[in-house]
PDB file of N, CA and C in Angstrom:
ATOM      1  N   MET A   1      28.522 -11.580   0.702  1.00  0.00           N
ATOM      2  CA  MET A   1      28.204 -10.237   1.078  1.00  0.00           C
ATOM      3  C   MET A   1      26.682 -10.117   1.080  1.00  0.00           C
ATOM      4  N   HIS A   2      26.162  -9.302   2.017  1.00  0.00           N
ATOM      5  CA  HIS A   2      24.724  -9.198   2.210  1.00  0.00           C
ATOM      6  C   HIS A   2      24.209  -7.815   1.818  1.00  0.00           C
ATOM      7  N   ASN A   3      23.028  -7.786   1.277  1.00  0.00           N
ATOM      8  CA  ASN A   3      22.395  -6.531   0.892  1.00  0.00           C
ATOM      9  C   ASN A   3      21.889  -5.796   2.129  1.00  0.00           C
ATOM     10  N   ASP A   4      21.906  -4.474   2.060  1.00  0.00           N
ATOM     11  CA  ASP A   4      21.257  -3.647   3.069  1.00  0.00           C
ATOM     12  C   ASP A   4      20.704  -2.409   2.369  1.00  0.00           C
ATOM     13  N   ASP A   5      19.963  -1.608   3.108  1.00  0.00           N
ATOM     14  CA  ASP A   5      19.313  -0.443   2.507  1.00  0.00           C
ATOM     15  C   ASP A   5      20.152   0.826   2.574  1.00  0.00           C
ATOM     16  N   TYR A   6      21.396   0.745   3.036  1.00  0.00           N
ATOM     17  CA  TYR A   6      22.195   1.941   3.262  1.00  0.00           C
ATOM     18  C   TYR A   6      23.498   1.991   2.472  1.00  0.00           C
ATOM     19  N   THR A   7      24.161   0.863   2.327  1.00  0.00           N
ATOM     20  CA  THR A   7      25.446   0.833   1.630  1.00  0.00           C
ATOM     21  C   THR A   7      25.224   1.087   0.148  1.00  0.00           C
ATOM     22  N   THR A   8      25.996   1.996  -0.422  1.00  0.00           N
ATOM     23  CA  THR A   8      25.817   2.324  -1.833  1.00  0.00           C
ATOM     24  C   THR A   8      26.364   1.216  -2.730  1.00  0.00           C
ATOM     25  N   MET A   9      25.778   1.122  -3.894  1.00  0.00           N
ATOM     26  CA  MET A   9      26.249   0.149  -4.877  1.00  0.00           C
ATOM     27  C   MET A   9      27.693   0.455  -5.270  1.00  0.00           C
ATOM     28  N   GLU A  10      28.017   1.721  -5.370  1.00  0.00           N
ATOM     29  CA  GLU A  10      29.370   2.131  -5.749  1.00  0.00           C
ATOM     30  C   GLU A  10      30.393   1.655  -4.719  1.00  0.00           C
ATOM     31  N   PHE A  11      30.036   1.764  -3.431  1.00  0.00           N
ATOM     32  CA  PHE A  11      30.949   1.314  -2.381  1.00  0.00           C
ATOM     33  C   PHE A  11      31.153  -0.190  -2.447  1.00  0.00           C
ATOM     34  N   VAL A  12      30.084  -0.935  -2.678  1.00  0.00           N
ATOM     35  CA  VAL A  12      30.185  -2.396  -2.790  1.00  0.00           C
ATOM     36  C   VAL A  12      31.121  -2.770  -3.934  1.00  0.00           C
ATOM     37  N   VAL A  13      30.980  -2.106  -5.076  1.00  0.00           N
ATOM     38  CA  VAL A  13      31.860  -2.376  -6.222  1.00  0.00           C
ATOM     39  C   VAL A  13      33.310  -2.077  -5.847  1.00  0.00           C
ATOM     40  N   GLN A  14      33.551  -0.958  -5.172  1.00  0.00           N
ATOM     41  CA  GLN A  14      34.918  -0.601  -4.764  1.00  0.00           C
ATOM     42  C   GLN A  14      35.516  -1.654  -3.842  1.00  0.00           C
ATOM     43  N   VAL A  15      34.720  -2.133  -2.899  1.00  0.00           N
ATOM     44  CA  VAL A  15      35.201  -3.154  -1.958  1.00  0.00           C
ATOM     45  C   VAL A  15      35.509  -4.459  -2.697  1.00  0.00           C
ATOM     46  N   LEU A  16      34.637  -4.842  -3.610  1.00  0.00           N
ATOM     47  CA  LEU A  16      34.869  -6.070  -4.379  1.00  0.00           C
ATOM     48  C   LEU A  16      36.164  -5.973  -5.188  1.00  0.00           C
ATOM     49  N   GLN A  17      36.451  -4.799  -5.704  1.00  0.00           N
ATOM     50  CA  GLN A  17      37.683  -4.611  -6.473  1.00  0.00           C
ATOM     51  C   GLN A  17      38.901  -4.577  -5.556  1.00  0.00           C
ATOM     52  N   LYS A  18      38.796  -3.867  -4.441  1.00  0.00           N
ATOM     53  CA  LYS A  18      39.939  -3.689  -3.547  1.00  0.00           C
ATOM     54  C   LYS A  18      40.271  -4.946  -2.748  1.00  0.00           C
ATOM     55  N   VAL A  19      39.261  -5.566  -2.161  1.00  0.00           N
ATOM     56  CA  VAL A  19      39.492  -6.701  -1.257  1.00  0.00           C
ATOM     57  C   VAL A  19      39.555  -8.030  -2.005  1.00  0.00           C
ATOM     58  N   PHE A  20      38.684  -8.184  -3.009  1.00  0.00           N
ATOM     59  CA  PHE A  20      38.578  -9.470  -3.698  1.00  0.00           C
ATOM     60  C   PHE A  20      39.214  -9.462  -5.082  1.00  0.00           C
ATOM     61  N   HIS A  21      39.811  -8.320  -5.472  1.00  0.00           N
ATOM     62  CA  HIS A  21      40.541  -8.173  -6.741  1.00  0.00           C
ATOM     63  C   HIS A  21      39.686  -8.536  -7.953  1.00  0.00           C
ATOM     64  N   LYS A  22      38.427  -8.093  -7.917  1.00  0.00           N
ATOM     65  CA  LYS A  22      37.519  -8.329  -9.038  1.00  0.00           C
ATOM     66  C   LYS A  22      37.670  -7.221 -10.071  1.00  0.00           C
ATOM     67  N   THR A  23      37.455  -7.565 -11.335  1.00  0.00           N
ATOM     68  CA  THR A  23      37.438  -6.546 -12.385  1.00  0.00           C
ATOM     69  C   THR A  23      36.163  -5.713 -12.206  1.00  0.00           C
ATOM     70  N   THR A  24      36.087  -4.600 -12.893  1.00  0.00           N
ATOM     71  CA  THR A  24      34.889  -3.767 -12.813  1.00  0.00           C
ATOM     72  C   THR A  24      33.650  -4.553 -13.226  1.00  0.00           C
ATOM     73  N   THR A  25      33.766  -5.321 -14.301  1.00  0.00           N
ATOM     74  CA  THR A  25      32.633  -6.117 -14.779  1.00  0.00           C
ATOM     75  C   THR A  25      32.225  -7.162 -13.743  1.00  0.00           C
ATOM     76  N   GLU A  26      33.184  -7.907 -13.210  1.00  0.00           N
ATOM     77  CA  GLU A  26      32.883  -8.926 -12.197  1.00  0.00           C
ATOM     78  C   GLU A  26      32.260  -8.291 -10.957  1.00  0.00           C
ATOM     79  N   ALA A  27      32.829  -7.173 -10.518  1.00  0.00           N
ATOM     80  CA  ALA A  27      32.336  -6.496  -9.313  1.00  0.00           C
ATOM     81  C   ALA A  27      30.900  -6.028  -9.513  1.00  0.00           C
ATOM     82  N   ASN A  28      30.602  -5.495 -10.689  1.00  0.00           N
ATOM     83  CA  ASN A  28      29.235  -5.048 -10.955  1.00  0.00           C
ATOM     84  C   ASN A  28      28.257  -6.213 -10.986  1.00  0.00           C
ATOM     85  N   GLN A  29      28.665  -7.344 -11.558  1.00  0.00           N
ATOM     86  CA  GLN A  29      27.794  -8.519 -11.599  1.00  0.00           C
ATOM     87  C   GLN A  29      27.501  -9.042 -10.184  1.00  0.00           C
ATOM     88  N   ILE A  30      28.539  -9.092  -9.351  1.00  0.00           N
ATOM     89  CA  ILE A  30      28.351  -9.561  -7.972  1.00  0.00           C
ATOM     90  C   ILE A  30      27.477  -8.578  -7.199  1.00  0.00           C
ATOM     91  N   MET A  31      27.738  -7.278  -7.373  1.00  0.00           N
ATOM     92  CA  MET A  31      26.948  -6.253  -6.692  1.00  0.00           C
ATOM     93  C   MET A  31      25.473  -6.375  -7.059  1.00  0.00           C
ATOM     94  N   LEU A  32      25.181  -6.608  -8.324  1.00  0.00           N
ATOM     95  CA  LEU A  32      23.783  -6.754  -8.747  1.00  0.00           C
ATOM     96  C   LEU A  32      23.156  -8.012  -8.162  1.00  0.00           C
ATOM     97  N   SER A  33      23.928  -9.076  -8.060  1.00  0.00           N
ATOM     98  CA  SER A  33      23.439 -10.296  -7.429  1.00  0.00           C
ATOM     99  C   SER A  33      23.094 -10.024  -5.967  1.00  0.00           C
ATOM    100  N   ILE A  34      23.967  -9.308  -5.285  1.00  0.00           N
ATOM    101  CA  ILE A  34      23.723  -8.944  -3.890  1.00  0.00           C
ATOM    102  C   ILE A  34      22.450  -8.096  -3.796  1.00  0.00           C
ATOM    103  N   HIS A  35      22.327  -7.142  -4.675  1.00  0.00           N
ATOM    104  CA  HIS A  35      21.196  -6.215  -4.647  1.00  0.00           C
ATOM    105  C   HIS A  35      19.859  -6.925  -4.899  1.00  0.00           C
ATOM    106  N   PHE A  36      19.829  -7.781  -5.896  1.00  0.00           N
ATOM    107  CA  PHE A  36      18.563  -8.416  -6.266  1.00  0.00           C
ATOM    108  C   PHE A  36      18.248  -9.701  -5.510  1.00  0.00           C
ATOM    109  N   ARG A  37      19.269 -10.420  -5.064  1.00  0.00           N
ATOM    110  CA  ARG A  37      19.037 -11.694  -4.372  1.00  0.00           C
ATOM    111  C   ARG A  37      19.217 -11.603  -2.861  1.00  0.00           C
ATOM    112  N   GLY A  38      19.785 -10.495  -2.404  1.00  0.00           N
ATOM    113  CA  GLY A  38      19.999 -10.316  -0.977  1.00  0.00           C
ATOM    114  C   GLY A  38      21.351 -10.777  -0.493  1.00  0.00           C
ATOM    115  N   VAL A  39      22.032 -11.545  -1.326  1.00  0.00           N
ATOM    116  CA  VAL A  39      23.348 -12.062  -0.964  1.00  0.00           C
ATOM    117  C   VAL A  39      24.103 -12.392  -2.243  1.00  0.00           C
ATOM    118  N   GLY A  40      25.430 -12.320  -2.187  1.00  0.00           N
ATOM    119  CA  GLY A  40      26.239 -12.679  -3.343  1.00  0.00           C
ATOM    120  C   GLY A  40      27.553 -13.299  -2.903  1.00  0.00           C
ATOM    121  N   VAL A  41      28.079 -14.193  -3.715  1.00  0.00           N
ATOM    122  CA  VAL A  41      29.342 -14.871  -3.428  1.00  0.00           C
ATOM    123  C   VAL A  41      30.485 -14.045  -4.018  1.00  0.00           C
ATOM    124  N   CYS A  42      31.447 -13.710  -3.172  1.00  0.00           N
ATOM    125  CA  CYS A  42      32.596 -12.902  -3.597  1.00  0.00           C
ATOM    126  C   CYS A  42      33.775 -13.760  -4.046  1.00  0.00           C
ATOM    127  N   GLY A  43      33.814 -15.009  -3.609  1.00  0.00           N
ATOM    128  CA  GLY A  43      34.895 -15.894  -4.010  1.00  0.00           C
ATOM    129  C   GLY A  43      34.989 -17.100  -3.099  1.00  0.00           C
ATOM    130  N   LEU A  44      35.838 -18.020  -3.495  1.00  0.00           N
ATOM    131  CA  LEU A  44      36.114 -19.224  -2.709  1.00  0.00           C
ATOM    132  C   LEU A  44      37.588 -19.189  -2.315  1.00  0.00           C
ATOM    133  N   TYR A  45      37.844 -19.232  -1.007  1.00  0.00           N
ATOM    134  CA  TYR A  45      39.197 -19.095  -0.486  1.00  0.00           C
ATOM    135  C   TYR A  45      39.409 -20.077   0.654  1.00  0.00           C
ATOM    136  N   PRO A  46      40.682 -20.390   0.962  1.00  0.00           N
ATOM    137  CA  PRO A  46      40.944 -21.132   2.191  1.00  0.00           C
ATOM    138  C   PRO A  46      40.373 -20.334   3.377  1.00  0.00           C
ATOM    139  N   TYR A  47      39.979 -21.023   4.424  1.00  0.00           N
ATOM    140  CA  TYR A  47      39.261 -20.398   5.528  1.00  0.00           C
ATOM    141  C   TYR A  47      39.982 -19.182   6.097  1.00  0.00           C
ATOM    142  N   ASP A  48      41.285 -19.294   6.355  1.00  0.00           N
ATOM    143  CA  ASP A  48      42.037 -18.193   6.958  1.00  0.00           C
ATOM    144  C   ASP A  48      42.030 -16.952   6.066  1.00  0.00           C
ATOM    145  N   ILE A  49      42.166 -17.153   4.779  1.00  0.00           N
ATOM    146  CA  ILE A  49      42.156 -16.025   3.840  1.00  0.00           C
ATOM    147  C   ILE A  49      40.759 -15.413   3.783  1.00  0.00           C
ATOM    148  N   ALA A  50      39.738 -16.249   3.740  1.00  0.00           N
ATOM    149  CA  ALA A  50      38.351 -15.755   3.713  1.00  0.00           C
ATOM    150  C   ALA A  50      38.055 -14.943   4.970  1.00  0.00           C
ATOM    151  N   GLU A  51      38.509 -15.425   6.102  1.00  0.00           N
ATOM    152  CA  GLU A  51      38.287 -14.725   7.365  1.00  0.00           C
ATOM    153  C   GLU A  51      38.940 -13.339   7.349  1.00  0.00           C
ATOM    154  N   THR A  52      40.143 -13.265   6.812  1.00  0.00           N
ATOM    155  CA  THR A  52      40.847 -11.988   6.699  1.00  0.00           C
ATOM    156  C   THR A  52      40.105 -11.038   5.766  1.00  0.00           C
ATOM    157  N   LYS A  53      39.610 -11.555   4.654  1.00  0.00           N
ATOM    158  CA  LYS A  53      38.876 -10.717   3.700  1.00  0.00           C
ATOM    159  C   LYS A  53      37.571 -10.197   4.310  1.00  0.00           C
ATOM    160  N   VAL A  54      36.856 -11.029   5.033  1.00  0.00           N
ATOM    161  CA  VAL A  54      35.628 -10.607   5.704  1.00  0.00           C
ATOM    162  C   VAL A  54      35.942  -9.493   6.705  1.00  0.00           C
ATOM    163  N   ASP A  55      36.991  -9.676   7.479  1.00  0.00           N
ATOM    164  CA  ASP A  55      37.389  -8.648   8.444  1.00  0.00           C
ATOM    165  C   ASP A  55      37.733  -7.338   7.749  1.00  0.00           C
ATOM    166  N   ARG A  56      38.429  -7.421   6.627  1.00  0.00           N
ATOM    167  CA  ARG A  56      38.816  -6.223   5.870  1.00  0.00           C
ATOM    168  C   ARG A  56      37.577  -5.488   5.339  1.00  0.00           C
ATOM    169  N   VAL A  57      36.609  -6.238   4.850  1.00  0.00           N
ATOM    170  CA  VAL A  57      35.357  -5.632   4.381  1.00  0.00           C
ATOM    171  C   VAL A  57      34.686  -4.876   5.519  1.00  0.00           C
ATOM    172  N   HIS A  58      34.620  -5.479   6.695  1.00  0.00           N
ATOM    173  CA  HIS A  58      33.959  -4.836   7.832  1.00  0.00           C
ATOM    174  C   HIS A  58      34.691  -3.577   8.270  1.00  0.00           C
ATOM    175  N   VAL A  59      36.015  -3.593   8.247  1.00  0.00           N
ATOM    176  CA  VAL A  59      36.797  -2.405   8.598  1.00  0.00           C
ATOM    177  C   VAL A  59      36.535  -1.280   7.600  1.00  0.00           C
ATOM    178  N   LEU A  60      36.608  -1.591   6.309  1.00  0.00           N
ATOM    179  CA  LEU A  60      36.368  -0.571   5.286  1.00  0.00           C
ATOM    180  C   LEU A  60      34.955   0.000   5.396  1.00  0.00           C
ATOM    181  N   ALA A  61      33.981  -0.863   5.646  1.00  0.00           N
ATOM    182  CA  ALA A  61      32.596  -0.414   5.761  1.00  0.00           C
ATOM    183  C   ALA A  61      32.424   0.508   6.975  1.00  0.00           C
ATOM    184  N   ARG A  62      32.981   0.119   8.101  1.00  0.00           N
ATOM    185  CA  ARG A  62      32.877   0.958   9.301  1.00  0.00           C
ATOM    186  C   ARG A  62      33.536   2.311   9.067  1.00  0.00           C
ATOM    187  N   GLU A  63      34.728   2.306   8.446  1.00  0.00           N
ATOM    188  CA  GLU A  63      35.437   3.552   8.177  1.00  0.00           C
ATOM    189  C   GLU A  63      34.613   4.478   7.282  1.00  0.00           C
ATOM    190  N   ALA A  64      33.847   3.894   6.365  1.00  0.00           N
ATOM    191  CA  ALA A  64      33.032   4.679   5.430  1.00  0.00           C
ATOM    192  C   ALA A  64      31.638   4.982   5.992  1.00  0.00           C
ATOM    193  N   GLY A  65      31.319   4.435   7.164  1.00  0.00           N
ATOM    194  CA  GLY A  65      30.025   4.684   7.786  1.00  0.00           C
ATOM    195  C   GLY A  65      28.893   3.851   7.230  1.00  0.00           C
ATOM    196  N   PHE A  66      29.212   2.689   6.657  1.00  0.00           N
ATOM    197  CA  PHE A  66      28.194   1.808   6.096  1.00  0.00           C
ATOM    198  C   PHE A  66      28.033   0.551   6.958  1.00  0.00           C
ATOM    199  N   PRO A  67      26.824  -0.025   6.995  1.00  0.00           N
ATOM    200  CA  PRO A  67      26.590  -1.241   7.780  1.00  0.00           C
ATOM    201  C   PRO A  67      26.800  -2.533   6.980  1.00  0.00           C
ATOM    202  N   LEU A  68      27.580  -2.479   5.917  1.00  0.00           N
ATOM    203  CA  LEU A  68      27.778  -3.632   5.033  1.00  0.00           C
ATOM    204  C   LEU A  68      28.222  -4.853   5.825  1.00  0.00           C
ATOM    205  N   ARG A  69      27.549  -5.972   5.561  1.00  0.00           N
ATOM    206  CA  ARG A  69      27.899  -7.241   6.205  1.00  0.00           C
ATOM    207  C   ARG A  69      28.471  -8.200   5.174  1.00  0.00           C
ATOM    208  N   CYS A  70      29.456  -8.921   5.628  1.00  0.00           N
ATOM    209  CA  CYS A  70      30.074  -9.961   4.816  1.00  0.00           C
ATOM    210  C   CYS A  70      30.245 -11.161   5.722  1.00  0.00           C
ATOM    211  N   SER A  71      29.984 -12.348   5.216  1.00  0.00           N
ATOM    212  CA  SER A  71      30.112 -13.539   6.053  1.00  0.00           C
ATOM    213  C   SER A  71      30.820 -14.631   5.240  1.00  0.00           C
ATOM    214  N   LEU A  72      31.192 -15.675   5.946  1.00  0.00           N
ATOM    215  CA  LEU A  72      31.828 -16.806   5.258  1.00  0.00           C
ATOM    216  C   LEU A  72      31.185 -18.090   5.706  1.00  0.00           C
ATOM    217  N   GLU A  73      31.277 -19.035   4.829  1.00  0.00           N
ATOM    218  CA  GLU A  73      30.766 -20.370   5.115  1.00  0.00           C
ATOM    219  C   GLU A  73      31.913 -21.336   4.980  1.00  0.00           C
ATOM    220  N   GLY A  74      32.037 -22.240   5.918  1.00  0.00           N
ATOM    221  CA  GLY A  74      33.107 -23.223   5.873  1.00  0.00           C
ATOM    222  C   GLY A  74      32.559 -24.627   5.870  1.00  0.00           C
ATOM    223  N   GLU A  75      33.405 -25.558   5.513  1.00  0.00           N
ATOM    224  CA  GLU A  75      32.987 -26.968   5.522  1.00  0.00           C
ATOM    225  C   GLU A  75      33.476 -27.637   6.755  1.00  0.00           C
TER     226      GLU A  75
END
């Protein structure tokens, strides 16, 4: 997940909990990593599952009016 100047930290935490099933503590740690480093790892998944999760993040962000970006890296 990538940092931007518009998406709220609270929304990022909600997405991490809803899409990636992170606990509140885990979601906050990842959100802070995204905020301070510009990017954060949400998890390691098989490619098809990761692709679905990225798509879900983008849908939720668009619905909420945020430009949140999420990407995946494959081998």
